[in-house]
Amino acid sequence: MTTPDAAKKFATLLKKLKGVTPLPEPLPEPAPPWLEPVVEELIFSMLVWDARSSQAREALARIRAGVVDYNELRVCFPEEIRQMLGDRYPKAAERAARIRAALNDIYKREHRVTLQPVLSAGKRDARQYLETLDGVPTFAAARVFLSSCAGHAMPVDDRIRDFLAEEGVLAPTEEAEAVSGWLERQLKAGEALAAYGALQAAADELAKKTTKSIKEPKDAGDKPRTPPRKKVGKG
């Protein structure tokens, strides 16, 4: 890292954040009977990448309401997925294309939309599987590996990088992926989940303040259209 004493500043920041209860990231309930938690964790991770947790939860609820199951989401056109996300959702078109690509890559590998093989694989193989899925950002792969596979990873997107820069831990020019690798080396095994939760909550709070300062319309007023359901076999 280019900032002097970055490791010391990060350790100090973590101590300060320990007094802050990380915002919970519950997925919308009740869960439908067809839902596979790891697949939904991947979709949620791709939604929260460079977006606020509240935006991701709302978008996930709209996706659930707009499809029969995630196999149907797999065959939706990118524009249909973008409409579920809403016009104001960050990187909506790119994100929609990435979600569709990831689900189709899973289907090609497993002949159905499932990530159960990841749970039974060794840590190295599980991480490689997630990181090589088409369209999946490094942040999302790391988040699933951390939360669903109990692996050691530190998800960092531009928002978390910006928060760390705001706190003087690193330079704002650092690449998020490089920051992620550096943070993993600063944390012991078992510490990453709590550290990520605290940074996610802090980055959400920073984004909320920034949004208020520029008087951006509330996400809830976006009212995205939900495409009509199509009857598609589960393959």
C-alpha atoms as a PDB file:
ATOM      1  CA  MET A   1       0.000   0.000   0.000  1.00  0.00           C
ATOM      2  CA  THR A   2       1.219   3.492  -0.738  1.00  0.00           C
ATOM      3  CA  THR A   3       0.008   5.184   2.472  1.00  0.00           C
ATOM      4  CA  PRO A   4       2.604   5.199   5.293  1.00  0.00           C
ATOM      5  CA  ASP A   5       1.645   3.204   8.382  1.00  0.00           C
ATOM      6  CA  ALA A   6      -1.354   1.783   6.544  1.00  0.00           C
ATOM      7  CA  ALA A   7      -1.412  -1.398   8.642  1.00  0.00           C
ATOM      8  CA  LYS A   8      -1.387   0.577  11.897  1.00  0.00           C
ATOM      9  CA  LYS A   9      -4.144   2.900  10.644  1.00  0.00           C
ATOM     10  CA  PHE A  10      -6.269  -0.061   9.583  1.00  0.00           C
ATOM     11  CA  ALA A  11      -5.889  -1.741  12.979  1.00  0.00           C
ATOM     12  CA  THR A  12      -6.893   1.505  14.694  1.00  0.00           C
ATOM     13  CA  LEU A  13      -9.906   1.867  12.416  1.00  0.00           C
ATOM     14  CA  LEU A  14     -11.080  -1.665  13.170  1.00  0.00           C
ATOM     15  CA  LYS A  15     -10.912  -0.970  16.896  1.00  0.00           C
ATOM     16  CA  LYS A  16     -13.042   2.129  16.367  1.00  0.00           C
ATOM     17  CA  LEU A  17     -15.583   0.202  14.289  1.00  0.00           C
ATOM     18  CA  LYS A  18     -15.915  -2.523  16.907  1.00  0.00           C
ATOM     19  CA  GLY A  19     -18.148  -0.153  18.843  1.00  0.00           C
ATOM     20  CA  VAL A  20     -20.456   0.103  15.847  1.00  0.00           C
ATOM     21  CA  THR A  21     -22.954  -2.711  15.309  1.00  0.00           C
ATOM     22  CA  PRO A  22     -22.648  -3.779  11.667  1.00  0.00           C
ATOM     23  CA  LEU A  23     -25.890  -3.420   9.754  1.00  0.00           C
ATOM     24  CA  PRO A  24     -27.478  -6.850   9.285  1.00  0.00           C
ATOM     25  CA  GLU A  25     -27.848  -8.059   5.722  1.00  0.00           C
ATOM     26  CA  PRO A  26     -30.870 -10.349   5.934  1.00  0.00           C
ATOM     27  CA  LEU A  27     -32.246 -11.589   2.656  1.00  0.00           C
ATOM     28  CA  PRO A  28     -35.953 -10.934   2.138  1.00  0.00           C
ATOM     29  CA  GLU A  29     -38.164 -13.445   3.945  1.00  0.00           C
ATOM     30  CA  PRO A  30     -39.965 -15.752   3.732  1.00  0.00           C
ATOM     31  CA  ALA A  31     -37.667 -17.721   1.474  1.00  0.00           C
ATOM     32  CA  PRO A  32     -39.446 -19.552  -1.367  1.00  0.00           C
ATOM     33  CA  PRO A  33     -39.203 -23.361  -1.247  1.00  0.00           C
ATOM     34  CA  TRP A  34     -37.117 -23.563  -4.420  1.00  0.00           C
ATOM     35  CA  LEU A  35     -34.396 -21.263  -3.115  1.00  0.00           C
ATOM     36  CA  GLU A  36     -30.830 -22.527  -2.795  1.00  0.00           C
ATOM     37  CA  PRO A  37     -29.056 -20.297  -0.233  1.00  0.00           C
ATOM     38  CA  VAL A  38     -25.614 -20.275  -1.876  1.00  0.00           C
ATOM     39  CA  VAL A  39     -27.013 -19.303  -5.282  1.00  0.00           C
ATOM     40  CA  GLU A  40     -28.980 -16.502  -3.652  1.00  0.00           C
ATOM     41  CA  GLU A  41     -25.879 -15.441  -1.724  1.00  0.00           C
ATOM     42  CA  LEU A  42     -24.065 -15.119  -5.042  1.00  0.00           C
ATOM     43  CA  ILE A  43     -26.864 -13.036  -6.562  1.00  0.00           C
ATOM     44  CA  PHE A  44     -27.046 -10.848  -3.454  1.00  0.00           C
ATOM     45  CA  SER A  45     -23.264 -10.406  -3.491  1.00  0.00           C
ATOM     46  CA  MET A  46     -23.442  -9.282  -7.114  1.00  0.00           C
ATOM     47  CA  LEU A  47     -26.219  -6.856  -6.181  1.00  0.00           C
ATOM     48  CA  VAL A  48     -24.356  -5.315  -3.229  1.00  0.00           C
ATOM     49  CA  TRP A  49     -21.149  -4.901  -5.280  1.00  0.00           C
ATOM     50  CA  ASP A  50     -20.688  -1.124  -5.629  1.00  0.00           C
ATOM     51  CA  ALA A  51     -24.178  -0.557  -4.190  1.00  0.00           C
ATOM     52  CA  ARG A  52     -25.707  -0.086  -0.748  1.00  0.00           C
ATOM     53  CA  SER A  53     -26.976  -3.070   1.245  1.00  0.00           C
ATOM     54  CA  SER A  54     -30.482  -1.580   1.366  1.00  0.00           C
ATOM     55  CA  GLN A  55     -30.520  -1.236  -2.425  1.00  0.00           C
ATOM     56  CA  ALA A  56     -29.398  -4.846  -2.816  1.00  0.00           C
ATOM     57  CA  ARG A  57     -32.072  -6.191  -0.467  1.00  0.00           C
ATOM     58  CA  GLU A  58     -34.814  -4.274  -2.261  1.00  0.00           C
ATOM     59  CA  ALA A  59     -33.566  -5.438  -5.662  1.00  0.00           C
ATOM     60  CA  LEU A  60     -33.387  -9.044  -4.511  1.00  0.00           C
ATOM     61  CA  ALA A  61     -36.981  -8.865  -3.294  1.00  0.00           C
ATOM     62  CA  ARG A  62     -38.038  -7.536  -6.725  1.00  0.00           C
ATOM     63  CA  ILE A  63     -36.153 -10.317  -8.499  1.00  0.00           C
ATOM     64  CA  ARG A  64     -37.808 -12.953  -6.310  1.00  0.00           C
ATOM     65  CA  ALA A  65     -41.206 -11.467  -7.145  1.00  0.00           C
ATOM     66  CA  GLY A  66     -40.425 -11.336 -10.859  1.00  0.00           C
ATOM     67  CA  VAL A  67     -39.359 -14.930 -11.542  1.00  0.00           C
ATOM     68  CA  VAL A  68     -40.574 -18.444 -10.814  1.00  0.00           C
ATOM     69  CA  ASP A  69     -37.080 -19.522  -9.736  1.00  0.00           C
ATOM     70  CA  TYR A  70     -33.446 -18.700 -10.501  1.00  0.00           C
ATOM     71  CA  ASN A  71     -33.457 -20.968 -13.537  1.00  0.00           C
ATOM     72  CA  GLU A  72     -36.008 -18.583 -15.015  1.00  0.00           C
ATOM     73  CA  LEU A  73     -33.754 -15.675 -14.092  1.00  0.00           C
ATOM     74  CA  ARG A  74     -30.994 -17.457 -15.994  1.00  0.00           C
ATOM     75  CA  VAL A  75     -32.981 -17.349 -19.247  1.00  0.00           C
ATOM     76  CA  CYS A  76     -34.310 -13.816 -18.814  1.00  0.00           C
ATOM     77  CA  PHE A  77     -32.980 -11.236 -21.252  1.00  0.00           C
ATOM     78  CA  PRO A  78     -30.513  -8.782 -19.677  1.00  0.00           C
ATOM     79  CA  GLU A  79     -33.020  -5.973 -20.258  1.00  0.00           C
ATOM     80  CA  GLU A  80     -35.659  -7.858 -18.255  1.00  0.00           C
ATOM     81  CA  ILE A  81     -33.234  -8.220 -15.352  1.00  0.00           C
ATOM     82  CA  ARG A  82     -32.273  -4.554 -15.637  1.00  0.00           C
ATOM     83  CA  GLN A  83     -35.935  -3.579 -15.377  1.00  0.00           C
ATOM     84  CA  MET A  84     -36.215  -5.565 -12.136  1.00  0.00           C
ATOM     85  CA  LEU A  85     -33.214  -3.695 -10.751  1.00  0.00           C
ATOM     86  CA  GLY A  86     -34.537  -0.279 -11.767  1.00  0.00           C
ATOM     87  CA  ASP A  87     -33.151   2.509 -13.915  1.00  0.00           C
ATOM     88  CA  ARG A  88     -31.384   4.212 -10.994  1.00  0.00           C
ATOM     89  CA  TYR A  89     -29.664   1.080  -9.718  1.00  0.00           C
ATOM     90  CA  PRO A  90     -25.868   1.484  -9.923  1.00  0.00           C
ATOM     91  CA  LYS A  91     -24.427  -0.176 -13.038  1.00  0.00           C
ATOM     92  CA  ALA A  92     -27.852  -1.676 -13.762  1.00  0.00           C
ATOM     93  CA  ALA A  93     -27.226  -2.813 -17.348  1.00  0.00           C
ATOM     94  CA  GLU A  94     -23.756  -4.183 -16.615  1.00  0.00           C
ATOM     95  CA  ARG A  95     -24.963  -5.878 -13.436  1.00  0.00           C
ATOM     96  CA  ALA A  96     -27.894  -7.523 -15.229  1.00  0.00           C
ATOM     97  CA  ALA A  97     -25.594  -8.941 -17.908  1.00  0.00           C
ATOM     98  CA  ARG A  98     -23.167 -10.215 -15.257  1.00  0.00           C
ATOM     99  CA  ILE A  99     -25.909 -11.979 -13.249  1.00  0.00           C
ATOM    100  CA  ARG A 100     -27.219 -13.703 -16.358  1.00  0.00           C
ATOM    101  CA  ALA A 101     -23.710 -14.752 -17.414  1.00  0.00           C
ATOM    102  CA  ALA A 102     -22.927 -16.175 -13.972  1.00  0.00           C
ATOM    103  CA  LEU A 103     -26.130 -18.233 -13.797  1.00  0.00           C
ATOM    104  CA  ASN A 104     -25.577 -19.592 -17.299  1.00  0.00           C
ATOM    105  CA  ASP A 105     -21.997 -20.550 -16.471  1.00  0.00           C
ATOM    106  CA  ILE A 106     -23.223 -22.413 -13.384  1.00  0.00           C
ATOM    107  CA  TYR A 107     -25.790 -24.215 -15.559  1.00  0.00           C
ATOM    108  CA  LYS A 108     -23.120 -25.207 -18.083  1.00  0.00           C
ATOM    109  CA  ARG A 109     -20.955 -26.658 -15.333  1.00  0.00           C
ATOM    110  CA  GLU A 110     -23.633 -28.394 -13.257  1.00  0.00           C
ATOM    111  CA  HIS A 111     -26.534 -28.855 -15.736  1.00  0.00           C
ATOM    112  CA  ARG A 112     -28.751 -27.004 -13.291  1.00  0.00           C
ATOM    113  CA  VAL A 113     -28.583 -23.801 -11.254  1.00  0.00           C
ATOM    114  CA  THR A 114     -26.819 -25.032  -8.120  1.00  0.00           C
ATOM    115  CA  LEU A 115     -23.659 -24.222  -6.174  1.00  0.00           C
ATOM    116  CA  GLN A 116     -23.759 -27.251  -3.908  1.00  0.00           C
ATOM    117  CA  PRO A 117     -20.440 -28.560  -5.338  1.00  0.00           C
ATOM    118  CA  VAL A 118     -18.754 -25.452  -3.941  1.00  0.00           C
ATOM    119  CA  LEU A 119     -19.790 -26.416  -0.409  1.00  0.00           C
ATOM    120  CA  SER A 120     -18.293 -29.893  -0.692  1.00  0.00           C
ATOM    121  CA  ALA A 121     -15.057 -28.765  -2.365  1.00  0.00           C
ATOM    122  CA  GLY A 122     -11.824 -27.894  -0.603  1.00  0.00           C
ATOM    123  CA  LYS A 123     -11.186 -24.248   0.180  1.00  0.00           C
ATOM    124  CA  ARG A 124      -8.784 -23.663  -2.715  1.00  0.00           C
ATOM    125  CA  ASP A 125     -11.046 -25.352  -5.262  1.00  0.00           C
ATOM    126  CA  ALA A 126     -14.128 -23.549  -3.932  1.00  0.00           C
ATOM    127  CA  ARG A 127     -12.504 -20.148  -4.286  1.00  0.00           C
ATOM    128  CA  GLN A 128     -11.197 -20.936  -7.748  1.00  0.00           C
ATOM    129  CA  TYR A 129     -14.647 -22.103  -8.818  1.00  0.00           C
ATOM    130  CA  LEU A 130     -16.277 -18.866  -7.664  1.00  0.00           C
ATOM    131  CA  GLU A 131     -13.556 -16.589  -9.056  1.00  0.00           C
ATOM    132  CA  THR A 132     -13.740 -18.186 -12.518  1.00  0.00           C
ATOM    133  CA  LEU A 133     -17.513 -17.918 -12.941  1.00  0.00           C
ATOM    134  CA  ASP A 134     -18.386 -15.730 -15.919  1.00  0.00           C
ATOM    135  CA  GLY A 135     -19.374 -12.195 -14.971  1.00  0.00           C
ATOM    136  CA  VAL A 136     -18.723 -12.539 -11.229  1.00  0.00           C
ATOM    137  CA  PRO A 137     -16.749  -9.585  -9.795  1.00  0.00           C
ATOM    138  CA  THR A 138     -13.846 -10.427  -7.495  1.00  0.00           C
ATOM    139  CA  PHE A 139     -15.777  -8.748  -4.668  1.00  0.00           C
ATOM    140  CA  ALA A 140     -18.775 -11.065  -5.103  1.00  0.00           C
ATOM    141  CA  ALA A 141     -16.645 -14.213  -5.342  1.00  0.00           C
ATOM    142  CA  ALA A 142     -14.786 -13.238  -2.169  1.00  0.00           C
ATOM    143  CA  ARG A 143     -18.036 -12.443  -0.360  1.00  0.00           C
ATOM    144  CA  VAL A 144     -19.588 -15.835  -1.145  1.00  0.00           C
ATOM    145  CA  PHE A 145     -16.357 -17.618  -0.220  1.00  0.00           C
ATOM    146  CA  LEU A 146     -16.284 -15.766   3.098  1.00  0.00           C
ATOM    147  CA  SER A 147     -19.954 -16.051   4.036  1.00  0.00           C
ATOM    148  CA  SER A 148     -20.961 -19.429   2.588  1.00  0.00           C
ATOM    149  CA  CYS A 149     -17.724 -21.428   2.537  1.00  0.00           C
ATOM    150  CA  ALA A 150     -16.165 -20.156   5.777  1.00  0.00           C
ATOM    151  CA  GLY A 151     -13.092 -19.188   3.775  1.00  0.00           C
ATOM    152  CA  HIS A 152     -10.590 -16.439   4.496  1.00  0.00           C
ATOM    153  CA  ALA A 153     -11.368 -13.537   2.167  1.00  0.00           C
ATOM    154  CA  MET A 154     -11.899  -9.802   2.380  1.00  0.00           C
ATOM    155  CA  PRO A 155     -14.442  -8.459  -0.121  1.00  0.00           C
ATOM    156  CA  VAL A 156     -13.575  -4.919  -1.234  1.00  0.00           C
ATOM    157  CA  ASP A 157     -15.407  -2.883  -3.849  1.00  0.00           C
ATOM    158  CA  ASP A 158     -14.963   0.773  -4.768  1.00  0.00           C
ATOM    159  CA  ARG A 159     -17.279   1.856  -1.946  1.00  0.00           C
ATOM    160  CA  ILE A 160     -15.269   0.102   0.766  1.00  0.00           C
ATOM    161  CA  ARG A 161     -12.050   1.347  -0.847  1.00  0.00           C
ATOM    162  CA  ASP A 162     -13.427   4.885  -0.787  1.00  0.00           C
ATOM    163  CA  PHE A 163     -14.344   4.573   2.886  1.00  0.00           C
ATOM    164  CA  LEU A 164     -10.828   3.386   3.752  1.00  0.00           C
ATOM    165  CA  ALA A 165      -9.411   6.305   1.773  1.00  0.00           C
ATOM    166  CA  GLU A 166     -11.750   8.696   3.603  1.00  0.00           C
ATOM    167  CA  GLU A 167     -10.356   7.370   6.889  1.00  0.00           C
ATOM    168  CA  GLY A 168      -6.779   7.903   5.699  1.00  0.00           C
ATOM    169  CA  VAL A 169      -5.889   4.212   5.632  1.00  0.00           C
ATOM    170  CA  LEU A 170      -4.942   4.195   1.966  1.00  0.00           C
ATOM    171  CA  ALA A 171      -4.728   6.366  -1.122  1.00  0.00           C
ATOM    172  CA  PRO A 172      -7.952   6.783  -3.137  1.00  0.00           C
ATOM    173  CA  THR A 173      -6.062   5.655  -6.250  1.00  0.00           C
ATOM    174  CA  GLU A 174      -5.565   2.101  -4.938  1.00  0.00           C
ATOM    175  CA  GLU A 175      -7.349  -0.623  -6.892  1.00  0.00           C
ATOM    176  CA  ALA A 176     -10.085  -2.391  -4.927  1.00  0.00           C
ATOM    177  CA  GLU A 177      -8.740  -5.843  -5.823  1.00  0.00           C
ATOM    178  CA  ALA A 178      -5.270  -4.940  -4.549  1.00  0.00           C
ATOM    179  CA  VAL A 179      -6.781  -3.555  -1.344  1.00  0.00           C
ATOM    180  CA  SER A 180      -8.678  -6.823  -0.873  1.00  0.00           C
ATOM    181  CA  GLY A 181      -5.486  -8.887  -1.010  1.00  0.00           C
ATOM    182  CA  TRP A 182      -3.699  -6.511   1.339  1.00  0.00           C
ATOM    183  CA  LEU A 183      -6.507  -6.604   3.898  1.00  0.00           C
ATOM    184  CA  GLU A 184      -6.535 -10.406   3.869  1.00  0.00           C
ATOM    185  CA  ARG A 185      -2.904 -10.318   4.944  1.00  0.00           C
ATOM    186  CA  GLN A 186      -3.690  -7.939   7.811  1.00  0.00           C
ATOM    187  CA  LEU A 187      -6.336 -10.221   9.313  1.00  0.00           C
ATOM    188  CA  LYS A 188      -6.033 -13.575  11.045  1.00  0.00           C
ATOM    189  CA  ALA A 189      -8.209 -16.530  10.083  1.00  0.00           C
ATOM    190  CA  GLY A 190     -11.655 -16.034  11.559  1.00  0.00           C
ATOM    191  CA  GLU A 191     -11.407 -12.231  11.748  1.00  0.00           C
ATOM    192  CA  ALA A 192     -12.449 -11.394   8.193  1.00  0.00           C
ATOM    193  CA  LEU A 193     -16.206 -11.863   8.522  1.00  0.00           C
ATOM    194  CA  ALA A 194     -16.591  -9.374  11.373  1.00  0.00           C
ATOM    195  CA  ALA A 195     -14.162  -6.944   9.725  1.00  0.00           C
ATOM    196  CA  TYR A 196     -16.030  -7.100   6.440  1.00  0.00           C
ATOM    197  CA  GLY A 197     -19.382  -6.589   8.178  1.00  0.00           C
ATOM    198  CA  ALA A 198     -18.083  -3.487   9.925  1.00  0.00           C
ATOM    199  CA  LEU A 199     -16.577  -2.049   6.736  1.00  0.00           C
ATOM    200  CA  GLN A 200     -19.732  -2.803   4.754  1.00  0.00           C
ATOM    201  CA  ALA A 201     -21.870  -0.972   7.314  1.00  0.00           C
ATOM    202  CA  ALA A 202     -19.477   1.967   7.396  1.00  0.00           C
ATOM    203  CA  ALA A 203     -19.345   2.180   3.596  1.00  0.00           C
ATOM    204  CA  ASP A 204     -23.156   2.087   3.476  1.00  0.00           C
ATOM    205  CA  GLU A 205     -23.296   4.956   5.955  1.00  0.00           C
ATOM    206  CA  LEU A 206     -20.773   6.986   3.953  1.00  0.00           C
ATOM    207  CA  ALA A 207     -22.757   6.374   0.751  1.00  0.00           C
ATOM    208  CA  LYS A 208     -25.965   7.437   2.501  1.00  0.00           C
ATOM    209  CA  LYS A 209     -24.379  10.713   3.616  1.00  0.00           C
ATOM    210  CA  THR A 210     -23.038  11.336   0.125  1.00  0.00           C
ATOM    211  CA  THR A 211     -26.455  10.642  -1.378  1.00  0.00           C
ATOM    212  CA  LYS A 212     -28.133  13.080   0.986  1.00  0.00           C
ATOM    213  CA  SER A 213     -25.564  15.741   0.232  1.00  0.00           C
ATOM    214  CA  ILE A 214     -26.390  15.675  -3.477  1.00  0.00           C
ATOM    215  CA  LYS A 215     -30.134  15.281  -2.799  1.00  0.00           C
ATOM    216  CA  GLU A 216     -30.509  12.123  -4.844  1.00  0.00           C
ATOM    217  CA  PRO A 217     -34.102  10.784  -5.094  1.00  0.00           C
ATOM    218  CA  LYS A 218     -34.843   7.872  -2.771  1.00  0.00           C
ATOM    219  CA  ASP A 219     -34.436   4.404  -4.258  1.00  0.00           C
ATOM    220  CA  ALA A 220     -37.956   3.468  -3.154  1.00  0.00           C
ATOM    221  CA  GLY A 221     -39.370   6.026  -5.573  1.00  0.00           C
ATOM    222  CA  ASP A 222     -37.825   4.297  -8.538  1.00  0.00           C
ATOM    223  CA  LYS A 223     -40.733   1.870  -8.908  1.00  0.00           C
ATOM    224  CA  PRO A 224     -39.075  -0.422 -11.463  1.00  0.00           C
ATOM    225  CA  ARG A 225     -41.287  -2.510 -13.646  1.00  0.00           C
ATOM    226  CA  THR A 226     -41.425  -6.244 -13.015  1.00  0.00           C
ATOM    227  CA  PRO A 227     -41.560  -8.225 -16.258  1.00  0.00           C
ATOM    228  CA  PRO A 228     -44.416 -10.742 -16.503  1.00  0.00           C
ATOM    229  CA  ARG A 229     -43.587 -14.262 -15.424  1.00  0.00           C
ATOM    230  CA  LYS A 230     -42.781 -16.830 -18.059  1.00  0.00           C
ATOM    231  CA  LYS A 231     -43.296 -20.542 -17.621  1.00  0.00           C
ATOM    232  CA  VAL A 232     -39.884 -22.106 -17.972  1.00  0.00           C
ATOM    233  CA  GLY A 233     -38.867 -25.602 -17.003  1.00  0.00           C
ATOM    234  CA  LYS A 234     -36.265 -26.020 -14.301  1.00  0.00           C
ATOM    235  CA  GLY A 235     -33.939 -27.818 -16.693  1.00  0.00           C
END
